[in-house]
Amino acid sequence: MIFNAVILSIRLYFCGSKCTMNLSDHLHHKVFRIIASVAAEEHTPSYVIGGFVRDLLIEGAGNTPKDIDIVVIGSGIEMAEKVKRSIGEELSLTVFKNFGTAMLKWGDTEIEFVGARKESYRRNSRKPLVENGTLEDDQNRRDFTINAMAISLNPDNFGELLDPFGGVRHLEEKVIITPLEPGSTFSDDPLRMLRGIRFATRLGFDIDPATQNAIHQYRERIGIVSQERITDELNKIIATKQPGKGFQLLDQTGLLEMILPELHQLKGVEEVNEQLHKDNFLHTLEVLDNIALKTDDLWLRWAALLHDIAKPRTRKYETGTGWTFHAHEFIGAKMIPGIFRRLKLPLNEKMKYVQKLVQLHLRPIILSQDIVTDAAIRRLIFDAGEDLEDLMTLCEADITSKNPRTVKRHLRNFQIVREKIIELEERDSIRNFQPPISGDDIQKVFGIPPSRPVGIIKNAIKEAILDGEIPNNFEAACQKMVEIGEAMGLTVHQELKREDE
């Protein structure tokens, strides 16, 4: 509820269409009074602005703020240095001279100081033209009205809310709207289009129709923004409580097709012989929202977003069978590195993790629908390894039938699979196992150098264990090794013993 922690105690006075709100009783952090003191002494007007003010009005003042933005009419760097001296503690101060900003870290709180400025972008440039400005100039350049509100830290009106664009009203109405004409706002800094969608998603707000239309109109301007900044916003959208809404907005505004065309291509249904397949785009967003209820893990959420990414490439209608998407999990896994590379996402273990889950996401589903064999469960445990629980979470989120009984039946079957996994894990110790016999062991026993037969024997032992043909222990593996080697015409040169014998 907007203002639920604030409205009862603030002083609110109405005068025509304007309001004056004083929030001094809610500026609990010590830094505000220190800044006010320095501002008075140096005759440098200072204000807290942006996200801190917005979140104070939405959530109240109960939590210690993590980020505080201070705008000063003058040098932000000089103000930061003077505030640090006034605090009198050994604090970290990072200065960014090229940007005219300074970051002061006090405990868990980061306080950024910047001089009020005007800012605009040239038509084909990612770098803004910056000039010194007034508080009004600084508020004009803000992205949305709910982020343009400021609180005075000056002696004559300490704590007064300065809200020239109706941000308070827009918080109450739960709407995202730009301070100035939206086309100008988005043309100047196209990243604001993504920020608007992110705020609407995070806060559960709507985007004002004129603002949303402008996003669609200026969507191609996103091309001048660096991929790193775009991807940072995508990650923040994915990290929200209901990220599906954000991707719906990305699609409605035309940004999705430009940023992540593979996801856009999942849209729509096709009919052949009165048979329809489901809209895989809407299904994907439902899976993403389902998994967001279970985990905050960004990369597991990325796996949910991309799990069906190859369905458009594999969609086929087969007479007597209907719509099929054969091998979409394998082709989708092959697509992941290219998508991560283009989006400037990490090409490391995070990428491999997403790739792995995309490739395996059908396995537990198939097991939940068929008769579950021990061998199939062992192979699932081995192939998923440490990511098995995440894989099961993804598969359960993938159940999106509109029939509650169907969902209940699938979840019940998944529980059977889970119980079988626990049983086999306790008995066979399969997860991330290494065969009891190494390649070096095989070479010693048969007196052969590193060669293809060594790999064949080692793999055959692994397959025998996973198939349940032999138990996962040293003695059984030794016996199997000799049996396979002799069948290949090899002669035992040396008996193999445990190192602890």
Protein backbone atom coordinates (compact mmCIF):
# COMPACT_ATOMS: atom_id res chain seq x y z
CA MET A 1 0.00 0.00 0.00
CA ILE A 2 1.50 3.35 -1.05
CA PHE A 3 2.42 5.56 1.91
CA ASN A 4 1.37 2.89 4.44
CA ALA A 5 4.38 3.69 6.66
CA VAL A 6 4.51 7.42 6.09
CA ILE A 7 1.20 9.13 5.53
CA LEU A 8 0.02 8.90 9.14
CA SER A 9 2.85 11.01 10.48
CA ILE A 10 3.90 13.45 7.76
CA ARG A 11 2.67 17.03 7.66
CA LEU A 12 0.63 17.42 4.49
CA TYR A 13 -0.90 20.72 3.45
CA PHE A 14 -2.98 21.24 0.32
CA CYS A 15 -3.07 24.55 -1.52
CA GLY A 16 -5.09 24.34 -4.72
CA SER A 17 -3.55 21.69 -7.00
CA LYS A 18 -0.19 21.76 -5.23
CA CYS A 19 0.89 20.12 -2.01
CA THR A 20 3.68 20.65 0.47
CA MET A 21 4.90 17.58 2.29
CA ASN A 22 7.56 17.57 4.99
CA LEU A 23 9.47 14.34 5.51
CA SER A 24 12.06 15.54 8.02
CA ASP A 25 10.91 13.06 10.66
CA HIS A 26 11.67 10.23 8.23
CA LEU A 27 15.24 11.19 7.32
CA HIS A 28 16.73 8.89 9.94
CA HIS A 29 20.20 8.33 8.51
CA LYS A 30 22.82 10.51 10.20
CA VAL A 31 24.24 11.62 6.87
CA PHE A 32 21.24 13.86 6.12
CA ARG A 33 21.85 16.17 9.10
CA ILE A 34 25.57 16.23 8.38
CA ILE A 35 24.94 17.18 4.74
CA ALA A 36 22.50 19.86 5.91
CA SER A 37 25.10 21.31 8.24
CA VAL A 38 27.79 21.39 5.54
CA ALA A 39 25.34 22.81 2.99
CA ALA A 40 24.47 25.67 5.34
CA GLU A 41 28.09 26.37 6.19
CA GLU A 42 29.23 26.33 2.56
CA HIS A 43 26.09 28.03 1.15
CA THR A 44 25.69 25.08 -1.21
CA PRO A 45 22.03 24.01 -1.55
CA SER A 46 21.71 20.22 -1.36
CA TYR A 47 18.89 17.75 -1.88
CA VAL A 48 18.28 14.02 -1.64
CA ILE A 49 16.68 12.93 -4.89
CA GLY A 50 15.50 9.97 -6.94
CA GLY A 51 15.12 6.38 -5.78
CA PHE A 52 15.55 7.06 -2.06
CA VAL A 53 12.64 9.53 -2.09
CA ARG A 54 10.46 7.21 -4.17
CA ASP A 55 11.10 4.19 -1.97
CA LEU A 56 10.63 6.22 1.21
CA LEU A 57 7.13 7.14 0.08
CA ILE A 58 6.34 3.59 -1.02
CA GLU A 59 7.96 1.51 1.70
CA GLY A 60 8.47 3.88 4.62
CA ALA A 61 11.64 4.64 6.54
CA GLY A 62 12.02 1.40 8.47
CA ASN A 63 15.03 0.00 6.62
CA THR A 64 18.54 1.41 6.37
CA PRO A 65 18.87 2.78 2.83
CA LYS A 66 21.49 1.13 0.62
CA ASP A 67 21.73 3.93 -1.94
CA ILE A 68 21.27 7.66 -1.42
CA ASP A 69 21.63 10.18 -4.26
CA ILE A 70 22.50 13.75 -3.32
CA VAL A 71 22.31 16.59 -5.84
CA VAL A 72 23.99 19.88 -4.98
CA ILE A 73 23.92 23.25 -6.65
CA GLY A 74 27.66 23.35 -7.11
CA SER A 75 30.40 20.73 -7.02
CA GLY A 76 29.28 17.28 -5.94
CA ILE A 77 32.89 16.19 -5.47
CA GLU A 78 33.72 19.09 -3.13
CA MET A 79 30.55 18.48 -1.12
CA ALA A 80 31.42 14.79 -0.73
CA GLU A 81 34.92 15.61 0.50
CA LYS A 82 33.60 18.11 3.06
CA VAL A 83 30.92 15.71 4.29
CA LYS A 84 33.56 13.01 4.75
CA ARG A 85 35.67 15.37 6.87
CA SER A 86 32.62 16.32 8.95
CA ILE A 87 31.78 12.67 9.64
CA GLY A 88 35.26 12.28 11.08
CA GLU A 89 35.60 8.56 10.36
CA GLU A 90 37.83 6.63 7.98
CA LEU A 91 35.33 6.20 5.16
CA SER A 92 35.86 5.16 1.55
CA LEU A 93 35.44 8.03 -0.93
CA THR A 94 35.65 7.29 -4.65
CA VAL A 95 35.85 10.26 -7.02
CA PHE A 96 34.84 10.11 -10.69
CA LYS A 97 36.22 13.38 -12.03
CA ASN A 98 35.13 12.74 -15.63
CA PHE A 99 31.52 12.51 -14.45
CA GLY A 100 31.70 15.10 -11.70
CA THR A 101 30.49 12.61 -9.10
CA ALA A 102 31.80 11.11 -5.87
CA MET A 103 30.72 8.00 -3.95
CA LEU A 104 30.98 7.93 -0.18
CA LYS A 105 30.54 4.55 1.51
CA TRP A 106 29.34 4.68 5.12
CA GLY A 107 28.69 1.21 6.52
CA ASP A 108 26.29 -0.55 4.16
CA THR A 109 25.11 2.72 2.62
CA GLU A 110 26.51 4.27 -0.54
CA ILE A 111 25.95 8.03 -0.87
CA GLU A 112 26.53 9.49 -4.32
CA PHE A 113 27.07 13.24 -4.72
CA VAL A 114 26.61 15.03 -8.02
CA GLY A 115 26.25 18.61 -9.10
CA ALA A 116 22.90 19.63 -10.57
CA ARG A 117 23.16 19.46 -14.34
CA LYS A 118 21.52 19.62 -17.69
CA GLU A 119 22.03 16.58 -19.87
CA SER A 120 21.23 15.69 -23.47
CA TYR A 121 22.32 13.16 -26.07
CA ARG A 122 23.40 13.84 -29.63
CA ARG A 123 21.42 11.99 -32.25
CA ASN A 124 23.86 9.10 -32.79
CA SER A 125 25.91 9.20 -29.60
CA ARG A 126 25.85 7.20 -26.41
CA LYS A 127 27.61 9.97 -24.50
CA PRO A 128 25.57 12.87 -23.10
CA LEU A 129 26.40 16.55 -23.33
CA VAL A 130 26.49 17.79 -19.73
CA GLU A 131 26.26 21.34 -18.38
CA ASN A 132 25.90 22.75 -14.88
CA GLY A 133 22.30 23.48 -13.98
CA THR A 134 19.72 24.25 -11.34
CA LEU A 135 17.66 21.83 -9.28
CA GLU A 136 14.85 22.37 -11.76
CA ASP A 137 17.19 21.47 -14.64
CA ASP A 138 18.23 18.33 -12.81
CA GLN A 139 14.64 17.29 -12.13
CA ASN A 140 13.73 17.97 -15.77
CA ARG A 141 16.37 15.51 -16.98
CA ARG A 142 15.11 12.69 -14.73
CA ASP A 143 13.49 9.71 -16.39
CA PHE A 144 10.12 9.50 -14.63
CA THR A 145 8.06 11.67 -12.33
CA ILE A 146 8.36 9.19 -9.47
CA ASN A 147 12.15 9.51 -9.72
CA ALA A 148 12.19 13.30 -10.05
CA MET A 149 11.07 14.06 -6.50
CA ALA A 150 13.61 15.69 -4.18
CA ILE A 151 13.77 16.43 -0.45
CA SER A 152 15.47 19.61 0.70
CA LEU A 153 18.44 19.31 3.06
CA ASN A 154 18.66 23.07 3.55
CA PRO A 155 18.00 24.89 6.85
CA ASP A 156 15.08 27.03 5.69
CA ASN A 157 12.97 24.08 4.46
CA PHE A 158 14.72 20.90 5.67
CA GLY A 159 12.66 17.81 4.82
CA GLU A 160 10.32 19.55 2.37
CA LEU A 161 9.33 17.43 -0.62
CA LEU A 162 9.88 19.16 -3.97
CA ASP A 163 7.61 17.48 -6.49
CA PRO A 164 7.20 19.61 -9.61
CA PHE A 165 5.72 16.87 -11.82
CA GLY A 166 3.16 15.19 -9.57
CA GLY A 167 5.24 12.18 -8.61
CA VAL A 168 3.25 11.69 -5.39
CA ARG A 169 0.02 11.54 -7.37
CA HIS A 170 1.53 9.11 -9.85
CA LEU A 171 2.66 6.85 -7.01
CA GLU A 172 -0.92 6.81 -5.76
CA GLU A 173 -2.20 6.10 -9.27
CA LYS A 174 0.53 3.48 -9.84
CA VAL A 175 1.56 4.88 -13.20
CA ILE A 176 4.90 5.41 -14.92
CA ILE A 177 5.05 8.73 -16.77
CA THR A 178 7.86 10.99 -17.93
CA PRO A 179 8.38 14.50 -16.47
CA LEU A 180 8.62 16.11 -19.90
CA GLU A 181 7.27 15.12 -23.31
CA PRO A 182 8.07 11.38 -23.51
CA GLY A 183 9.57 11.48 -27.00
CA SER A 184 12.14 14.00 -25.85
CA THR A 185 12.90 11.99 -22.70
CA PHE A 186 13.47 8.75 -24.62
CA SER A 187 15.28 10.32 -27.55
CA ASP A 188 17.77 11.95 -25.16
CA ASP A 189 18.53 8.73 -23.29
CA PRO A 190 16.94 5.62 -24.88
CA LEU A 191 17.86 3.42 -21.91
CA ARG A 192 15.00 5.14 -20.08
CA MET A 193 12.60 3.04 -22.16
CA LEU A 194 13.94 -0.11 -20.53
CA ARG A 195 14.06 1.57 -17.12
CA GLY A 196 10.37 2.45 -17.46
CA ILE A 197 9.50 -1.16 -18.16
CA ARG A 198 11.69 -2.27 -15.28
CA PHE A 199 10.00 0.11 -12.80
CA ALA A 200 6.53 -0.90 -14.03
CA THR A 201 7.47 -4.55 -13.52
CA ARG A 202 9.13 -4.12 -10.15
CA LEU A 203 6.42 -1.88 -8.67
CA GLY A 204 3.42 -3.47 -10.36
CA PHE A 205 2.57 -0.15 -12.05
CA ASP A 206 1.09 0.60 -15.46
CA ILE A 207 2.90 2.69 -18.06
CA ASP A 208 1.00 5.82 -19.10
CA PRO A 209 -0.42 5.23 -22.63
CA ALA A 210 1.36 8.25 -24.15
CA THR A 211 4.61 7.15 -22.51
CA GLN A 212 4.21 3.57 -23.78
CA ASN A 213 3.39 4.79 -27.29
CA ALA A 214 6.56 6.90 -27.24
CA ILE A 215 8.61 3.84 -26.26
CA HIS A 216 7.24 2.06 -29.32
CA GLN A 217 7.86 5.09 -31.52
CA TYR A 218 11.46 5.58 -30.38
CA ARG A 219 12.35 1.89 -29.90
CA GLU A 220 15.04 1.93 -32.61
CA ARG A 221 16.98 4.51 -30.58
CA ILE A 222 17.89 1.65 -28.24
CA GLY A 223 20.53 0.82 -30.86
CA ILE A 224 22.81 3.63 -29.62
CA VAL A 225 22.88 2.24 -26.08
CA SER A 226 25.70 -0.13 -25.12
CA GLN A 227 24.76 -3.79 -24.83
CA GLU A 228 26.11 -3.90 -21.28
CA ARG A 229 23.59 -1.26 -20.12
CA ILE A 230 20.74 -2.99 -21.95
CA THR A 231 21.59 -6.36 -20.43
CA ASP A 232 21.87 -4.84 -16.96
CA GLU A 233 18.25 -3.69 -17.29
CA LEU A 234 17.19 -7.11 -18.60
CA ASN A 235 18.77 -8.75 -15.57
CA LYS A 236 16.93 -6.36 -13.26
CA ILE A 237 13.63 -7.16 -14.98
CA ILE A 238 14.29 -10.89 -14.69
CA ALA A 239 15.08 -10.42 -10.97
CA THR A 240 11.66 -8.92 -10.16
CA LYS A 241 8.85 -10.81 -8.43
CA GLN A 242 6.79 -11.14 -11.63
CA PRO A 243 9.22 -10.78 -14.53
CA GLY A 244 6.75 -12.04 -17.11
CA LYS A 245 5.03 -8.66 -17.06
CA GLY A 246 8.27 -6.97 -18.06
CA PHE A 247 8.70 -9.20 -21.10
CA GLN A 248 5.08 -8.62 -22.10
CA LEU A 249 5.80 -4.88 -22.05
CA LEU A 250 9.04 -5.37 -23.97
CA ASP A 251 7.05 -7.20 -26.61
CA GLN A 252 4.19 -4.68 -26.72
CA THR A 253 6.62 -1.80 -27.22
CA GLY A 254 8.61 -3.54 -29.96
CA LEU A 255 11.81 -3.64 -27.92
CA LEU A 256 11.84 -7.41 -27.46
CA GLU A 257 12.20 -8.10 -31.18
CA MET A 258 15.27 -5.84 -31.25
CA ILE A 259 16.91 -7.05 -28.03
CA LEU A 260 16.02 -10.75 -27.87
CA PRO A 261 14.50 -11.77 -31.23
CA GLU A 262 14.70 -15.48 -30.39
CA LEU A 263 12.17 -14.95 -27.60
CA HIS A 264 9.94 -12.81 -29.82
CA GLN A 265 9.87 -15.63 -32.39
CA LEU A 266 8.18 -17.90 -29.85
CA LYS A 267 5.01 -15.81 -30.24
CA GLY A 268 1.85 -17.00 -31.91
CA VAL A 269 0.08 -20.23 -32.76
CA GLU A 270 -0.37 -22.13 -35.99
CA GLU A 271 -3.25 -24.39 -37.01
CA VAL A 272 -3.11 -27.46 -39.24
CA ASN A 273 -6.04 -29.87 -39.56
CA GLU A 274 -7.80 -28.03 -36.75
CA GLN A 275 -4.89 -28.72 -34.41
CA LEU A 276 -3.20 -25.83 -32.62
CA HIS A 277 0.01 -25.74 -30.64
CA LYS A 278 0.20 -23.47 -27.61
CA ASP A 279 1.68 -19.99 -27.73
CA ASN A 280 5.21 -20.78 -26.58
CA PHE A 281 5.94 -17.14 -25.75
CA LEU A 282 3.10 -16.92 -23.24
CA HIS A 283 4.03 -20.36 -21.91
CA THR A 284 7.64 -19.23 -21.40
CA LEU A 285 6.57 -16.15 -19.45
CA GLU A 286 4.36 -18.33 -17.27
CA VAL A 287 7.28 -20.66 -16.58
CA LEU A 288 9.45 -17.64 -15.72
CA ASP A 289 6.85 -16.33 -13.28
CA ASN A 290 6.43 -19.80 -11.78
CA ILE A 291 10.13 -20.17 -11.12
CA ALA A 292 10.33 -16.64 -9.71
CA LEU A 293 8.04 -17.87 -6.92
CA LYS A 294 10.64 -20.50 -6.00
CA THR A 295 14.05 -18.89 -6.44
CA ASP A 296 15.94 -15.60 -6.70
CA ASP A 297 18.75 -17.27 -8.67
CA LEU A 298 19.24 -15.08 -11.76
CA TRP A 299 20.73 -17.87 -13.88
CA LEU A 300 18.01 -20.36 -13.05
CA ARG A 301 15.55 -17.66 -14.14
CA TRP A 302 17.53 -17.22 -17.38
CA ALA A 303 17.25 -20.98 -17.94
CA ALA A 304 13.48 -20.71 -17.53
CA LEU A 305 13.36 -17.84 -20.03
CA LEU A 306 15.39 -19.74 -22.64
CA HIS A 307 14.31 -23.33 -22.04
CA ASP A 308 12.11 -23.52 -25.17
CA ILE A 309 14.10 -21.06 -27.27
CA ALA A 310 14.57 -23.53 -30.16
CA LYS A 311 10.90 -24.43 -30.60
CA PRO A 312 10.37 -22.12 -33.60
CA ARG A 313 13.29 -23.86 -35.38
CA THR A 314 12.03 -27.36 -34.61
CA ARG A 315 8.26 -26.92 -34.97
CA LYS A 316 6.75 -29.44 -37.36
CA TYR A 317 3.30 -30.88 -38.01
CA GLU A 318 3.28 -34.67 -38.44
CA THR A 319 0.17 -36.45 -39.67
CA GLY A 320 -1.14 -38.77 -37.01
CA THR A 321 1.05 -37.21 -34.35
CA GLY A 322 0.30 -33.49 -34.47
CA TRP A 323 2.72 -30.72 -33.62
CA THR A 324 6.23 -31.81 -32.64
CA PHE A 325 9.36 -29.99 -31.49
CA HIS A 326 11.86 -32.82 -31.77
CA ALA A 327 15.32 -32.14 -30.29
CA HIS A 328 14.44 -28.57 -29.33
CA GLU A 329 16.26 -29.07 -26.04
CA PHE A 330 19.55 -29.99 -27.80
CA ILE A 331 19.29 -27.27 -30.43
CA GLY A 332 18.30 -24.77 -27.73
CA ALA A 333 21.40 -25.67 -25.72
CA LYS A 334 23.54 -25.00 -28.81
CA MET A 335 21.92 -21.56 -29.17
CA ILE A 336 22.79 -20.45 -25.63
CA PRO A 337 26.46 -19.46 -26.22
CA GLY A 338 25.51 -17.25 -29.16
CA ILE A 339 22.74 -15.52 -27.19
CA PHE A 340 25.02 -14.99 -24.18
CA ARG A 341 27.80 -13.64 -26.40
CA ARG A 342 25.49 -11.16 -28.12
CA LEU A 343 23.96 -9.98 -24.85
CA LYS A 344 27.40 -9.67 -23.24
CA LEU A 345 26.39 -12.14 -20.55
CA PRO A 346 29.24 -14.12 -18.92
CA LEU A 347 30.71 -16.86 -21.10
CA ASN A 348 31.77 -18.91 -18.10
CA GLU A 349 30.22 -21.43 -15.73
CA LYS A 350 27.01 -19.33 -15.62
CA MET A 351 26.52 -19.84 -19.35
CA LYS A 352 27.36 -23.54 -19.11
CA TYR A 353 24.86 -23.89 -16.26
CA VAL A 354 22.03 -22.35 -18.33
CA GLN A 355 23.04 -24.45 -21.34
CA LYS A 356 22.99 -27.61 -19.23
CA LEU A 357 19.52 -26.96 -17.80
CA VAL A 358 18.10 -26.13 -21.23
CA GLN A 359 19.50 -29.40 -22.62
CA LEU A 360 18.19 -31.51 -19.73
CA HIS A 361 14.85 -29.83 -19.07
CA LEU A 362 12.77 -32.55 -20.74
CA ARG A 363 14.39 -35.49 -18.95
CA PRO A 364 12.53 -35.31 -15.62
CA ILE A 365 9.29 -34.54 -17.48
CA ILE A 366 9.66 -37.70 -19.58
CA LEU A 367 10.45 -39.73 -16.46
CA SER A 368 7.36 -38.37 -14.72
CA GLN A 369 5.17 -39.56 -17.59
CA ASP A 370 6.64 -43.03 -18.17
CA ILE A 371 7.49 -46.00 -16.01
CA VAL A 372 10.52 -44.88 -14.01
CA THR A 373 13.46 -47.26 -14.25
CA ASP A 374 16.42 -47.18 -11.90
CA ALA A 375 18.79 -46.86 -14.86
CA ALA A 376 17.00 -43.78 -16.19
CA ILE A 377 17.09 -42.16 -12.75
CA ARG A 378 20.80 -42.96 -12.34
CA ARG A 379 21.57 -41.33 -15.67
CA LEU A 380 19.57 -38.25 -14.73
CA ILE A 381 21.44 -37.98 -11.42
CA PHE A 382 24.79 -38.40 -13.17
CA ASP A 383 24.10 -35.97 -16.01
CA ALA A 384 22.57 -33.24 -13.82
CA GLY A 385 25.11 -33.61 -11.01
CA GLU A 386 25.04 -30.75 -8.52
CA ASP A 387 22.36 -28.97 -10.57
CA LEU A 388 19.76 -31.72 -10.18
CA GLU A 389 17.60 -29.82 -7.67
CA ASP A 390 17.60 -26.72 -9.90
CA LEU A 391 16.65 -28.90 -12.88
CA MET A 392 13.71 -30.35 -10.96
CA THR A 393 12.62 -26.85 -9.93
CA LEU A 394 12.70 -25.75 -13.58
CA CYS A 395 10.70 -28.78 -14.70
CA GLU A 396 8.04 -28.25 -12.06
CA ALA A 397 7.75 -24.61 -13.14
CA ASP A 398 7.30 -25.89 -16.72
CA ILE A 399 3.90 -27.37 -15.82
CA THR A 400 1.51 -24.70 -17.09
CA SER A 401 -1.69 -26.55 -17.98
CA LYS A 402 -4.92 -24.62 -17.38
CA ASN A 403 -6.43 -27.83 -16.04
CA PRO A 404 -5.71 -27.98 -12.27
CA ARG A 405 -6.08 -31.76 -12.24
CA THR A 406 -3.43 -32.11 -14.93
CA VAL A 407 -1.04 -29.91 -12.97
CA LYS A 408 -1.73 -31.87 -9.79
CA ARG A 409 -1.12 -35.19 -11.56
CA HIS A 410 2.20 -34.03 -13.03
CA LEU A 411 3.38 -32.64 -9.70
CA ARG A 412 2.47 -35.92 -8.01
CA ASN A 413 4.49 -37.82 -10.62
CA PHE A 414 7.43 -35.46 -10.10
CA GLN A 415 7.28 -36.26 -6.40
CA ILE A 416 7.63 -39.96 -7.25
CA VAL A 417 10.71 -39.12 -9.34
CA ARG A 418 12.14 -37.08 -6.46
CA GLU A 419 11.63 -39.95 -4.01
CA LYS A 420 13.32 -42.36 -6.41
CA ILE A 421 16.26 -39.96 -6.78
CA ILE A 422 16.73 -39.83 -3.01
CA GLU A 423 16.54 -43.63 -2.75
CA LEU A 424 19.13 -44.26 -5.48
CA GLU A 425 21.41 -41.48 -4.28
CA GLU A 426 21.57 -43.01 -0.82
CA ARG A 427 22.19 -46.47 -2.22
CA ASP A 428 24.45 -45.89 -5.23
CA SER A 429 26.16 -42.51 -4.65
CA ILE A 430 25.81 -41.59 -8.32
CA ARG A 431 25.80 -37.79 -8.25
CA ASN A 432 29.12 -36.50 -9.67
CA PHE A 433 30.61 -39.96 -9.22
CA GLN A 434 33.86 -41.03 -10.81
CA PRO A 435 34.16 -44.69 -11.86
CA PRO A 436 36.10 -46.68 -9.22
CA ILE A 437 38.67 -47.62 -11.89
CA SER A 438 40.81 -44.88 -13.46
CA GLY A 439 42.55 -44.81 -16.83
CA ASP A 440 45.90 -45.28 -15.09
CA ASP A 441 44.55 -48.40 -13.36
CA ILE A 442 43.49 -49.89 -16.69
CA GLN A 443 46.93 -49.21 -18.23
CA LYS A 444 48.68 -50.92 -15.31
CA VAL A 445 46.47 -54.00 -15.33
CA PHE A 446 46.83 -54.66 -19.05
CA GLY A 447 50.30 -53.17 -19.52
CA ILE A 448 49.18 -50.79 -22.28
CA PRO A 449 49.92 -47.12 -22.95
CA PRO A 450 47.25 -44.36 -23.08
CA SER A 451 45.11 -45.43 -26.00
CA ARG A 452 41.60 -45.88 -27.35
CA PRO A 453 41.04 -49.23 -25.57
CA VAL A 454 41.60 -47.52 -22.20
CA GLY A 455 38.76 -45.08 -22.93
CA ILE A 456 36.49 -47.86 -24.17
CA ILE A 457 36.99 -49.92 -21.00
CA LYS A 458 36.56 -46.94 -18.67
CA ASN A 459 33.36 -45.83 -20.42
CA ALA A 460 31.98 -49.38 -20.40
CA ILE A 461 32.46 -49.58 -16.62
CA LYS A 462 30.63 -46.26 -16.19
CA GLU A 463 27.76 -47.43 -18.42
CA ALA A 464 27.50 -50.72 -16.51
CA ILE A 465 27.20 -48.85 -13.20
CA LEU A 466 24.59 -46.41 -14.54
CA ASP A 467 22.59 -49.26 -16.07
CA GLY A 468 22.62 -51.09 -12.75
CA GLU A 469 24.48 -54.01 -14.27
CA ILE A 470 27.14 -53.80 -11.54
CA PRO A 471 27.22 -51.93 -8.21
CA ASN A 472 29.26 -48.77 -7.85
CA ASN A 473 32.22 -50.30 -6.01
CA PHE A 474 35.86 -51.22 -6.60
CA GLU A 475 35.54 -54.99 -6.65
CA ALA A 476 32.69 -55.08 -9.17
CA ALA A 477 34.44 -52.53 -11.38
CA CYS A 478 37.67 -54.60 -11.35
CA GLN A 479 35.84 -57.71 -12.39
CA LYS A 480 34.07 -55.81 -15.19
CA MET A 481 37.36 -54.28 -16.35
CA VAL A 482 39.04 -57.70 -16.71
CA GLU A 483 35.99 -59.13 -18.46
CA ILE A 484 35.88 -56.31 -21.04
CA GLY A 485 39.67 -56.28 -21.55
CA GLU A 486 39.91 -59.99 -22.16
CA ALA A 487 36.99 -59.78 -24.61
CA MET A 488 39.08 -57.18 -26.50
CA GLY A 489 42.04 -59.56 -26.61
CA LEU A 490 44.03 -57.90 -23.81
CA THR A 491 46.02 -59.87 -21.26
CA VAL A 492 46.13 -59.11 -17.54
CA HIS A 493 49.73 -58.19 -16.61
CA GLN A 494 49.17 -57.08 -13.06
CA GLU A 495 46.49 -57.56 -10.43
CA LEU A 496 44.91 -54.29 -9.27
CA LYS A 497 44.57 -53.65 -5.55
CA ARG A 498 43.05 -50.83 -3.52
CA GLU A 499 45.58 -48.27 -2.36
CA ASP A 500 44.46 -48.80 1.24
CA GLU A 501 45.12 -52.56 1.13
